[in-house]
Amino acid sequence: MRPRPPCPKCHATSMLARIMPLTKDTVAESFECPECDYSWTVSAPDPIRKASGWIEALKPPN
């Protein structure tokens, strides 16, 4: 998981409020600031799809 970004308005540490799928490989991450109540959404790579490569590598051989 990537670090929580600072609020663009007051620079306080933000909180991840929700993650929603956008496409097969991307998600929308919504952040909220606990200090000034500002909220914003950014698109990011899907963390599950990103991790699936190394998860597959952990499976034992047949």
PDB file of N, CA and C in Angstrom:
ATOM      1  N   MET A   1       0.843  -1.174   0.000  1.00  0.00           N
ATOM      2  CA  MET A   1       0.000   0.000   0.000  1.00  0.00           C
ATOM      3  C   MET A   1       0.890   1.239   0.000  1.00  0.00           C
ATOM      4  N   ARG A   2       0.508   2.185  -0.772  1.00  0.00           N
ATOM      5  CA  ARG A   2       1.326   3.380  -0.848  1.00  0.00           C
ATOM      6  C   ARG A   2       1.039   4.314   0.317  1.00  0.00           C
ATOM      7  N   PRO A   3       1.951   5.216   0.608  1.00  0.00           N
ATOM      8  CA  PRO A   3       1.756   6.116   1.752  1.00  0.00           C
ATOM      9  C   PRO A   3       0.575   7.068   1.528  1.00  0.00           C
ATOM     10  N   ARG A   4       0.005   7.515   2.626  1.00  0.00           N
ATOM     11  CA  ARG A   4      -1.105   8.465   2.539  1.00  0.00           C
ATOM     12  C   ARG A   4      -0.567   9.830   2.147  1.00  0.00           C
ATOM     13  N   PRO A   5      -1.153  10.434   1.119  1.00  0.00           N
ATOM     14  CA  PRO A   5      -0.652  11.744   0.687  1.00  0.00           C
ATOM     15  C   PRO A   5      -1.077  12.851   1.642  1.00  0.00           C
ATOM     16  N   PRO A   6      -0.330  13.945   1.663  1.00  0.00           N
ATOM     17  CA  PRO A   6      -0.755  15.091   2.471  1.00  0.00           C
ATOM     18  C   PRO A   6      -1.943  15.789   1.803  1.00  0.00           C
ATOM     19  N   CYS A   7      -2.743  16.446   2.585  1.00  0.00           N
ATOM     20  CA  CYS A   7      -3.879  17.204   2.060  1.00  0.00           C
ATOM     21  C   CYS A   7      -3.357  18.326   1.161  1.00  0.00           C
ATOM     22  N   PRO A   8      -3.938  18.495  -0.032  1.00  0.00           N
ATOM     23  CA  PRO A   8      -3.487  19.579  -0.917  1.00  0.00           C
ATOM     24  C   PRO A   8      -3.768  20.976  -0.366  1.00  0.00           C
ATOM     25  N   LYS A   9      -4.721  21.085   0.558  1.00  0.00           N
ATOM     26  CA  LYS A   9      -5.072  22.408   1.099  1.00  0.00           C
ATOM     27  C   LYS A   9      -4.295  22.761   2.359  1.00  0.00           C
ATOM     28  N   CYS A  10      -4.282  21.851   3.364  1.00  0.00           N
ATOM     29  CA  CYS A  10      -3.670  22.202   4.649  1.00  0.00           C
ATOM     30  C   CYS A  10      -2.422  21.373   4.974  1.00  0.00           C
ATOM     31  N   HIS A  11      -2.092  20.391   4.146  1.00  0.00           N
ATOM     32  CA  HIS A  11      -0.900  19.550   4.265  1.00  0.00           C
ATOM     33  C   HIS A  11      -0.911  18.578   5.450  1.00  0.00           C
ATOM     34  N   ALA A  12      -2.073  18.377   6.077  1.00  0.00           N
ATOM     35  CA  ALA A  12      -2.194  17.363   7.129  1.00  0.00           C
ATOM     36  C   ALA A  12      -2.201  15.975   6.477  1.00  0.00           C
ATOM     37  N   THR A  13      -1.914  14.944   7.244  1.00  0.00           N
ATOM     38  CA  THR A  13      -1.935  13.585   6.723  1.00  0.00           C
ATOM     39  C   THR A  13      -3.380  13.182   6.432  1.00  0.00           C
ATOM     40  N   SER A  14      -3.625  12.697   5.227  1.00  0.00           N
ATOM     41  CA  SER A  14      -4.979  12.336   4.816  1.00  0.00           C
ATOM     42  C   SER A  14      -5.330  10.905   5.228  1.00  0.00           C
ATOM     43  N   MET A  15      -6.593  10.558   5.048  1.00  0.00           N
ATOM     44  CA  MET A  15      -7.073   9.205   5.320  1.00  0.00           C
ATOM     45  C   MET A  15      -7.683   8.651   4.036  1.00  0.00           C
ATOM     46  N   LEU A  16      -7.385   7.390   3.744  1.00  0.00           N
ATOM     47  CA  LEU A  16      -8.016   6.728   2.604  1.00  0.00           C
ATOM     48  C   LEU A  16      -9.459   6.434   2.985  1.00  0.00           C
ATOM     49  N   ALA A  17     -10.405   7.004   2.250  1.00  0.00           N
ATOM     50  CA  ALA A  17     -11.824   6.854   2.585  1.00  0.00           C
ATOM     51  C   ALA A  17     -12.453   5.671   1.860  1.00  0.00           C
ATOM     52  N   ARG A  18     -12.106   5.472   0.582  1.00  0.00           N
ATOM     53  CA  ARG A  18     -12.682   4.365  -0.181  1.00  0.00           C
ATOM     54  C   ARG A  18     -11.870   4.085  -1.431  1.00  0.00           C
ATOM     55  N   ILE A  19     -12.017   2.859  -1.921  1.00  0.00           N
ATOM     56  CA  ILE A  19     -11.397   2.429  -3.167  1.00  0.00           C
ATOM     57  C   ILE A  19     -12.502   1.866  -4.046  1.00  0.00           C
ATOM     58  N   MET A  20     -12.589   2.376  -5.278  1.00  0.00           N
ATOM     59  CA  MET A  20     -13.615   1.917  -6.213  1.00  0.00           C
ATOM     60  C   MET A  20     -12.949   1.503  -7.519  1.00  0.00           C
ATOM     61  N   PRO A  21     -13.381   0.403  -8.141  1.00  0.00           N
ATOM     62  CA  PRO A  21     -12.786  -0.003  -9.414  1.00  0.00           C
ATOM     63  C   PRO A  21     -13.148   0.981 -10.527  1.00  0.00           C
ATOM     64  N   LEU A  22     -12.179   1.250 -11.392  1.00  0.00           N
ATOM     65  CA  LEU A  22     -12.412   2.092 -12.568  1.00  0.00           C
ATOM     66  C   LEU A  22     -12.378   1.235 -13.830  1.00  0.00           C
ATOM     67  N   THR A  23     -11.263   0.566 -14.023  1.00  0.00           N
ATOM     68  CA  THR A  23     -11.095  -0.335 -15.159  1.00  0.00           C
ATOM     69  C   THR A  23     -10.531  -1.644 -14.639  1.00  0.00           C
ATOM     70  N   LYS A  24     -10.173  -2.520 -15.542  1.00  0.00           N
ATOM     71  CA  LYS A  24      -9.602  -3.812 -15.157  1.00  0.00           C
ATOM     72  C   LYS A  24      -8.327  -3.652 -14.332  1.00  0.00           C
ATOM     73  N   ASP A  25      -7.546  -2.640 -14.632  1.00  0.00           N
ATOM     74  CA  ASP A  25      -6.237  -2.474 -13.989  1.00  0.00           C
ATOM     75  C   ASP A  25      -6.108  -1.253 -13.093  1.00  0.00           C
ATOM     76  N   THR A  26      -7.146  -0.429 -12.964  1.00  0.00           N
ATOM     77  CA  THR A  26      -7.032   0.787 -12.150  1.00  0.00           C
ATOM     78  C   THR A  26      -8.201   0.917 -11.170  1.00  0.00           C
ATOM     79  N   VAL A  27      -7.941   1.649 -10.111  1.00  0.00           N
ATOM     80  CA  VAL A  27      -8.960   1.941  -9.100  1.00  0.00           C
ATOM     81  C   VAL A  27      -8.980   3.441  -8.831  1.00  0.00           C
ATOM     82  N   ALA A  28     -10.078   3.920  -8.279  1.00  0.00           N
ATOM     83  CA  ALA A  28     -10.179   5.299  -7.818  1.00  0.00           C
ATOM     84  C   ALA A  28     -10.025   5.278  -6.305  1.00  0.00           C
ATOM     85  N   GLU A  29      -9.036   5.994  -5.815  1.00  0.00           N
ATOM     86  CA  GLU A  29      -8.806   6.093  -4.372  1.00  0.00           C
ATOM     87  C   GLU A  29      -9.283   7.461  -3.910  1.00  0.00           C
ATOM     88  N   SER A  30     -10.232   7.466  -2.972  1.00  0.00           N
ATOM     89  CA  SER A  30     -10.749   8.721  -2.426  1.00  0.00           C
ATOM     90  C   SER A  30     -10.127   8.962  -1.058  1.00  0.00           C
ATOM     91  N   PHE A  31      -9.595  10.164  -0.881  1.00  0.00           N
ATOM     92  CA  PHE A  31      -8.951  10.545   0.372  1.00  0.00           C
ATOM     93  C   PHE A  31      -9.744  11.663   1.028  1.00  0.00           C
ATOM     94  N   GLU A  32      -9.680  11.722   2.358  1.00  0.00           N
ATOM     95  CA  GLU A  32     -10.319  12.785   3.123  1.00  0.00           C
ATOM     96  C   GLU A  32      -9.321  13.327   4.134  1.00  0.00           C
ATOM     97  N   CYS A  33      -9.394  14.629   4.370  1.00  0.00           N
ATOM     98  CA  CYS A  33      -8.530  15.264   5.352  1.00  0.00           C
ATOM     99  C   CYS A  33      -9.288  15.390   6.676  1.00  0.00           C
ATOM    100  N   PRO A  34      -8.731  14.857   7.762  1.00  0.00           N
ATOM    101  CA  PRO A  34      -9.414  14.962   9.049  1.00  0.00           C
ATOM    102  C   PRO A  34      -9.337  16.374   9.658  1.00  0.00           C
ATOM    103  N   GLU A  35      -8.446  17.194   9.142  1.00  0.00           N
ATOM    104  CA  GLU A  35      -8.269  18.546   9.693  1.00  0.00           C
ATOM    105  C   GLU A  35      -9.212  19.568   9.053  1.00  0.00           C
ATOM    106  N   CYS A  36      -9.267  19.590   7.716  1.00  0.00           N
ATOM    107  CA  CYS A  36     -10.056  20.632   7.035  1.00  0.00           C
ATOM    108  C   CYS A  36     -11.251  20.078   6.257  1.00  0.00           C
ATOM    109  N   ASP A  37     -11.476  18.766   6.312  1.00  0.00           N
ATOM    110  CA  ASP A  37     -12.612  18.092   5.654  1.00  0.00           C
ATOM    111  C   ASP A  37     -12.575  18.151   4.125  1.00  0.00           C
ATOM    112  N   TYR A  38     -11.431  18.455   3.562  1.00  0.00           N
ATOM    113  CA  TYR A  38     -11.297  18.444   2.108  1.00  0.00           C
ATOM    114  C   TYR A  38     -11.235  16.992   1.631  1.00  0.00           C
ATOM    115  N   SER A  39     -11.821  16.692   0.485  1.00  0.00           N
ATOM    116  CA  SER A  39     -11.741  15.338  -0.072  1.00  0.00           C
ATOM    117  C   SER A  39     -11.378  15.410  -1.549  1.00  0.00           C
ATOM    118  N   TRP A  40     -10.688  14.392  -2.036  1.00  0.00           N
ATOM    119  CA  TRP A  40     -10.265  14.322  -3.424  1.00  0.00           C
ATOM    120  C   TRP A  40     -10.098  12.867  -3.817  1.00  0.00           C
ATOM    121  N   THR A  41     -10.093  12.622  -5.138  1.00  0.00           N
ATOM    122  CA  THR A  41      -9.991  11.274  -5.683  1.00  0.00           C
ATOM    123  C   THR A  41      -8.895  11.243  -6.731  1.00  0.00           C
ATOM    124  N   VAL A  42      -8.113  10.177  -6.708  1.00  0.00           N
ATOM    125  CA  VAL A  42      -7.059   9.968  -7.699  1.00  0.00           C
ATOM    126  C   VAL A  42      -7.182   8.559  -8.259  1.00  0.00           C
ATOM    127  N   SER A  43      -6.702   8.356  -9.477  1.00  0.00           N
ATOM    128  CA  SER A  43      -6.674   7.000 -10.031  1.00  0.00           C
ATOM    129  C   SER A  43      -5.304   6.391  -9.749  1.00  0.00           C
ATOM    130  N   ALA A  44      -5.293   5.088  -9.561  1.00  0.00           N
ATOM    131  CA  ALA A  44      -4.057   4.390  -9.215  1.00  0.00           C
ATOM    132  C   ALA A  44      -4.118   2.964  -9.758  1.00  0.00           C
ATOM    133  N   PRO A  45      -2.962   2.300  -9.900  1.00  0.00           N
ATOM    134  CA  PRO A  45      -2.984   0.894 -10.322  1.00  0.00           C
ATOM    135  C   PRO A  45      -3.713   0.047  -9.279  1.00  0.00           C
ATOM    136  N   ASP A  46      -4.434  -0.954  -9.740  1.00  0.00           N
ATOM    137  CA  ASP A  46      -5.152  -1.853  -8.836  1.00  0.00           C
ATOM    138  C   ASP A  46      -4.133  -2.632  -8.008  1.00  0.00           C
ATOM    139  N   PRO A  47      -4.129  -2.486  -6.674  1.00  0.00           N
ATOM    140  CA  PRO A  47      -3.118  -3.155  -5.847  1.00  0.00           C
ATOM    141  C   PRO A  47      -3.228  -4.680  -5.876  1.00  0.00           C
ATOM    142  N   ILE A  48      -4.423  -5.212  -6.094  1.00  0.00           N
ATOM    143  CA  ILE A  48      -4.600  -6.666  -6.162  1.00  0.00           C
ATOM    144  C   ILE A  48      -3.990  -7.207  -7.450  1.00  0.00           C
ATOM    145  N   ARG A  49      -4.285  -6.559  -8.565  1.00  0.00           N
ATOM    146  CA  ARG A  49      -3.697  -6.996  -9.846  1.00  0.00           C
ATOM    147  C   ARG A  49      -2.179  -6.836  -9.833  1.00  0.00           C
ATOM    148  N   LYS A  50      -1.705  -5.770  -9.208  1.00  0.00           N
ATOM    149  CA  LYS A  50      -0.264  -5.523  -9.137  1.00  0.00           C
ATOM    150  C   LYS A  50       0.432  -6.623  -8.331  1.00  0.00           C
ATOM    151  N   ALA A  51      -0.229  -7.102  -7.275  1.00  0.00           N
ATOM    152  CA  ALA A  51       0.355  -8.135  -6.413  1.00  0.00           C
ATOM    153  C   ALA A  51       0.210  -9.532  -6.983  1.00  0.00           C
ATOM    154  N   SER A  52      -0.670  -9.728  -7.950  1.00  0.00           N
ATOM    155  CA  SER A  52      -0.939 -11.081  -8.432  1.00  0.00           C
ATOM    156  C   SER A  52       0.296 -11.742  -9.046  1.00  0.00           C
ATOM    157  N   GLY A  53       1.213 -10.970  -9.591  1.00  0.00           N
ATOM    158  CA  GLY A  53       2.430 -11.547 -10.170  1.00  0.00           C
ATOM    159  C   GLY A  53       3.275 -12.268  -9.141  1.00  0.00           C
ATOM    160  N   TRP A  54       3.542 -11.636  -8.012  1.00  0.00           N
ATOM    161  CA  TRP A  54       4.369 -12.298  -7.006  1.00  0.00           C
ATOM    162  C   TRP A  54       3.569 -13.329  -6.230  1.00  0.00           C
ATOM    163  N   ILE A  55       2.253 -13.194  -6.159  1.00  0.00           N
ATOM    164  CA  ILE A  55       1.426 -14.222  -5.509  1.00  0.00           C
ATOM    165  C   ILE A  55       1.507 -15.523  -6.312  1.00  0.00           C
ATOM    166  N   GLU A  56       1.427 -15.398  -7.628  1.00  0.00           N
ATOM    167  CA  GLU A  56       1.556 -16.584  -8.496  1.00  0.00           C
ATOM    168  C   GLU A  56       2.919 -17.243  -8.314  1.00  0.00           C
ATOM    169  N   ALA A  57       3.943 -16.450  -8.096  1.00  0.00           N
ATOM    170  CA  ALA A  57       5.293 -16.994  -7.925  1.00  0.00           C
ATOM    171  C   ALA A  57       5.421 -17.784  -6.634  1.00  0.00           C
ATOM    172  N   LEU A  58       4.558 -17.564  -5.661  1.00  0.00           N
ATOM    173  CA  LEU A  58       4.628 -18.274  -4.386  1.00  0.00           C
ATOM    174  C   LEU A  58       3.988 -19.659  -4.435  1.00  0.00           C
ATOM    175  N   LYS A  59       3.206 -19.939  -5.489  1.00  0.00           N
ATOM    176  CA  LYS A  59       2.549 -21.232  -5.580  1.00  0.00           C
ATOM    177  C   LYS A  59       3.588 -22.334  -5.803  1.00  0.00           C
ATOM    178  N   PRO A  60       3.407 -23.492  -5.148  1.00  0.00           N
ATOM    179  CA  PRO A  60       4.357 -24.583  -5.340  1.00  0.00           C
ATOM    180  C   PRO A  60       4.235 -25.177  -6.747  1.00  0.00           C
ATOM    181  N   PRO A  61       5.331 -25.701  -7.261  1.00  0.00           N
ATOM    182  CA  PRO A  61       5.269 -26.326  -8.597  1.00  0.00           C
ATOM    183  C   PRO A  61       4.421 -27.592  -8.546  1.00  0.00           C
ATOM    184  N   ASN A  62       3.868 -27.960  -9.671  1.00  0.00           N
ATOM    185  CA  ASN A  62       3.049 -29.185  -9.767  1.00  0.00           C
ATOM    186  C   ASN A  62       3.888 -30.423  -9.829  1.00  0.00           C
TER     187      ASN A  62
END
